[in-house]
Amino acid sequence: MKLVGSYTSPFVRKLSILLLEKGITFEFINELPYNADNGVGAI
C-alpha cells in the first residue's frame, strides 16, 4: 500500500499510526499538496 501525503498532515499521521497498529505494511510518499507538479496538487 502507498500512503501519499505530507508529514504535517494530522490525517496522514493518524492513518500511518493505524496502519502500524494493524500491522499493514505501507510505503510513505511525502508529497506537498500545493505543489502542482506531483499529481496530488493537480486534483
PDB file of N, CA and C in Angstrom:
ATOM      1  N   MET A   1       0.847  -1.156   0.000  1.00  0.00           N
ATOM      2  CA  MET A   1       0.000   0.000   0.000  1.00  0.00           C
ATOM      3  C   MET A   1       0.902   1.230   0.000  1.00  0.00           C
ATOM      4  N   LYS A   2       0.468   2.252  -0.702  1.00  0.00           N
ATOM      5  CA  LYS A   2       1.183   3.523  -0.719  1.00  0.00           C
ATOM      6  C   LYS A   2       0.345   4.565   0.002  1.00  0.00           C
ATOM      7  N   LEU A   3       0.975   5.260   0.927  1.00  0.00           N
ATOM      8  CA  LEU A   3       0.335   6.355   1.641  1.00  0.00           C
ATOM      9  C   LEU A   3       0.968   7.642   1.137  1.00  0.00           C
ATOM     10  N   VAL A   4       0.190   8.425   0.416  1.00  0.00           N
ATOM     11  CA  VAL A   4       0.685   9.667  -0.171  1.00  0.00           C
ATOM     12  C   VAL A   4       0.155  10.822   0.646  1.00  0.00           C
ATOM     13  N   GLY A   5       1.050  11.671   1.119  1.00  0.00           N
ATOM     14  CA  GLY A   5       0.626  12.809   1.920  1.00  0.00           C
ATOM     15  C   GLY A   5       1.806  13.615   2.402  1.00  0.00           C
ATOM     16  N   SER A   6       1.552  14.421   3.398  1.00  0.00           N
ATOM     17  CA  SER A   6       2.569  15.292   3.971  1.00  0.00           C
ATOM     18  C   SER A   6       2.764  14.930   5.437  1.00  0.00           C
ATOM     19  N   TYR A   7       4.000  15.049   5.919  1.00  0.00           N
ATOM     20  CA  TYR A   7       4.290  14.757   7.325  1.00  0.00           C
ATOM     21  C   TYR A   7       3.524  15.684   8.264  1.00  0.00           C
ATOM     22  N   THR A   8       3.166  16.858   7.797  1.00  0.00           N
ATOM     23  CA  THR A   8       2.492  17.831   8.653  1.00  0.00           C
ATOM     24  C   THR A   8       0.983  17.611   8.743  1.00  0.00           C
ATOM     25  N   SER A   9       0.442  16.738   7.932  1.00  0.00           N
ATOM     26  CA  SER A   9      -0.997  16.491   7.933  1.00  0.00           C
ATOM     27  C   SER A   9      -1.396  15.618   9.119  1.00  0.00           C
ATOM     28  N   PRO A  10      -2.324  16.085   9.953  1.00  0.00           N
ATOM     29  CA  PRO A  10      -2.771  15.243  11.066  1.00  0.00           C
ATOM     30  C   PRO A  10      -3.519  14.000  10.586  1.00  0.00           C
ATOM     31  N   PHE A  11      -4.159  14.073   9.435  1.00  0.00           N
ATOM     32  CA  PHE A  11      -4.885  12.932   8.886  1.00  0.00           C
ATOM     33  C   PHE A  11      -3.916  11.836   8.444  1.00  0.00           C
ATOM     34  N   VAL A  12      -2.823  12.235   7.823  1.00  0.00           N
ATOM     35  CA  VAL A  12      -1.811  11.269   7.391  1.00  0.00           C
ATOM     36  C   VAL A  12      -1.143  10.632   8.602  1.00  0.00           C
ATOM     37  N   ARG A  13      -0.881  11.421   9.630  1.00  0.00           N
ATOM     38  CA  ARG A  13      -0.266  10.879  10.845  1.00  0.00           C
ATOM     39  C   ARG A  13      -1.190   9.875  11.528  1.00  0.00           C
ATOM     40  N   LYS A  14      -2.480  10.181  11.598  1.00  0.00           N
ATOM     41  CA  LYS A  14      -3.438   9.250  12.216  1.00  0.00           C
ATOM     42  C   LYS A  14      -3.528   7.953  11.418  1.00  0.00           C
ATOM     43  N   LEU A  15      -3.570   8.080  10.107  1.00  0.00           N
ATOM     44  CA  LEU A  15      -3.668   6.893   9.264  1.00  0.00           C
ATOM     45  C   LEU A  15      -2.402   6.047   9.345  1.00  0.00           C
ATOM     46  N   SER A  16      -1.237   6.681   9.399  1.00  0.00           N
ATOM     47  CA  SER A  16       0.002   5.913   9.495  1.00  0.00           C
ATOM     48  C   SER A  16       0.081   5.170  10.830  1.00  0.00           C
ATOM     49  N   ILE A  17      -0.396   5.784  11.913  1.00  0.00           N
ATOM     50  CA  ILE A  17      -0.434   5.098  13.210  1.00  0.00           C
ATOM     51  C   ILE A  17      -1.380   3.908  13.152  1.00  0.00           C
ATOM     52  N   LEU A  18      -2.535   4.089  12.533  1.00  0.00           N
ATOM     53  CA  LEU A  18      -3.499   2.998  12.392  1.00  0.00           C
ATOM     54  C   LEU A  18      -2.907   1.835  11.596  1.00  0.00           C
ATOM     55  N   LEU A  19      -2.248   2.147  10.492  1.00  0.00           N
ATOM     56  CA  LEU A  19      -1.646   1.097   9.674  1.00  0.00           C
ATOM     57  C   LEU A  19      -0.560   0.352  10.442  1.00  0.00           C
ATOM     58  N   LEU A  20       0.249   1.083  11.209  1.00  0.00           N
ATOM     59  CA  LEU A  20       1.290   0.443  12.012  1.00  0.00           C
ATOM     60  C   LEU A  20       0.689  -0.452  13.090  1.00  0.00           C
ATOM     61  N   GLU A  21      -0.370   0.013  13.742  1.00  0.00           N
ATOM     62  CA  GLU A  21      -1.014  -0.787  14.790  1.00  0.00           C
ATOM     63  C   GLU A  21      -1.657  -2.049  14.231  1.00  0.00           C
ATOM     64  N   LYS A  22      -2.197  -1.962  13.023  1.00  0.00           N
ATOM     65  CA  LYS A  22      -2.838  -3.117  12.391  1.00  0.00           C
ATOM     66  C   LYS A  22      -1.828  -4.053  11.732  1.00  0.00           C
ATOM     67  N   GLY A  23      -0.570  -3.630  11.646  1.00  0.00           N
ATOM     68  CA  GLY A  23       0.458  -4.461  11.035  1.00  0.00           C
ATOM     69  C   GLY A  23       0.434  -4.458   9.525  1.00  0.00           C
ATOM     70  N   ILE A  24      -0.172  -3.448   8.939  1.00  0.00           N
ATOM     71  CA  ILE A  24      -0.258  -3.336   7.483  1.00  0.00           C
ATOM     72  C   ILE A  24       0.980  -2.594   6.985  1.00  0.00           C
ATOM     73  N   THR A  25       1.704  -3.218   6.078  1.00  0.00           N
ATOM     74  CA  THR A  25       2.900  -2.576   5.543  1.00  0.00           C
ATOM     75  C   THR A  25       2.493  -1.532   4.508  1.00  0.00           C
ATOM     76  N   PHE A  26       3.200  -0.416   4.522  1.00  0.00           N
ATOM     77  CA  PHE A  26       2.901   0.658   3.585  1.00  0.00           C
ATOM     78  C   PHE A  26       4.167   1.428   3.269  1.00  0.00           C
ATOM     79  N   GLU A  27       4.139   2.080   2.137  1.00  0.00           N
ATOM     80  CA  GLU A  27       5.229   2.948   1.708  1.00  0.00           C
ATOM     81  C   GLU A  27       4.719   4.379   1.799  1.00  0.00           C
ATOM     82  N   PHE A  28       5.430   5.219   2.557  1.00  0.00           N
ATOM     83  CA  PHE A  28       5.021   6.611   2.691  1.00  0.00           C
ATOM     84  C   PHE A  28       5.700   7.442   1.619  1.00  0.00           C
ATOM     85  N   ILE A  29       4.902   8.186   0.875  1.00  0.00           N
ATOM     86  CA  ILE A  29       5.411   9.080  -0.158  1.00  0.00           C
ATOM     87  C   ILE A  29       5.058  10.497   0.264  1.00  0.00           C
ATOM     88  N   ASN A  30       6.084  11.270   0.586  1.00  0.00           N
ATOM     89  CA  ASN A  30       5.882  12.635   1.059  1.00  0.00           C
ATOM     90  C   ASN A  30       5.662  13.562  -0.136  1.00  0.00           C
ATOM     91  N   GLU A  31       4.452  14.062  -0.268  1.00  0.00           N
ATOM     92  CA  GLU A  31       4.096  14.983  -1.349  1.00  0.00           C
ATOM     93  C   GLU A  31       3.450  16.216  -0.750  1.00  0.00           C
ATOM     94  N   LEU A  32       3.825  17.360  -1.233  1.00  0.00           N
ATOM     95  CA  LEU A  32       3.225  18.604  -0.779  1.00  0.00           C
ATOM     96  C   LEU A  32       1.970  18.872  -1.607  1.00  0.00           C
ATOM     97  N   PRO A  33       0.824  19.069  -0.973  1.00  0.00           N
ATOM     98  CA  PRO A  33      -0.435  19.207  -1.711  1.00  0.00           C
ATOM     99  C   PRO A  33      -0.517  20.463  -2.565  1.00  0.00           C
ATOM    100  N   TYR A  34       0.259  21.486  -2.240  1.00  0.00           N
ATOM    101  CA  TYR A  34       0.187  22.733  -3.006  1.00  0.00           C
ATOM    102  C   TYR A  34       1.168  22.760  -4.169  1.00  0.00           C
ATOM    103  N   ASN A  35       1.903  21.672  -4.380  1.00  0.00           N
ATOM    104  CA  ASN A  35       2.832  21.576  -5.493  1.00  0.00           C
ATOM    105  C   ASN A  35       2.113  20.913  -6.670  1.00  0.00           C
ATOM    106  N   ALA A  36       1.866  21.649  -7.723  1.00  0.00           N
ATOM    107  CA  ALA A  36       1.093  21.133  -8.862  1.00  0.00           C
ATOM    108  C   ALA A  36       1.873  20.115  -9.690  1.00  0.00           C
ATOM    109  N   ASP A  37       3.169  19.988  -9.472  1.00  0.00           N
ATOM    110  CA  ASP A  37       3.988  19.075 -10.273  1.00  0.00           C
ATOM    111  C   ASP A  37       3.849  17.612  -9.874  1.00  0.00           C
ATOM    112  N   ASN A  38       3.282  17.320  -8.719  1.00  0.00           N
ATOM    113  CA  ASN A  38       3.314  15.954  -8.215  1.00  0.00           C
ATOM    114  C   ASN A  38       2.057  15.143  -8.499  1.00  0.00           C
ATOM    115  N   GLY A  39       1.045  15.695  -9.059  1.00  0.00           N
ATOM    116  CA  GLY A  39      -0.177  14.948  -9.335  1.00  0.00           C
ATOM    117  C   GLY A  39      -1.210  15.102  -8.238  1.00  0.00           C
ATOM    118  N   VAL A  40      -0.782  15.174  -6.992  1.00  0.00           N
ATOM    119  CA  VAL A  40      -1.717  15.376  -5.891  1.00  0.00           C
ATOM    120  C   VAL A  40      -2.258  16.795  -5.930  1.00  0.00           C
ATOM    121  N   GLY A  41      -1.396  17.742  -6.200  1.00  0.00           N
ATOM    122  CA  GLY A  41      -1.823  19.140  -6.273  1.00  0.00           C
ATOM    123  C   GLY A  41      -2.695  19.433  -7.482  1.00  0.00           C
ATOM    124  N   ALA A  42      -2.640  18.580  -8.490  1.00  0.00           N
ATOM    125  CA  ALA A  42      -3.441  18.785  -9.690  1.00  0.00           C
ATOM    126  C   ALA A  42      -4.895  18.378  -9.498  1.00  0.00           C
ATOM    127  N   ILE A  43      -5.171  17.617  -8.452  1.00  0.00           N
ATOM    128  CA  ILE A  43      -6.544  17.124  -8.229  1.00  0.00           C
ATOM    129  C   ILE A  43      -7.438  18.217  -7.721  1.00  0.00           C
TER     130      ILE A  43
END
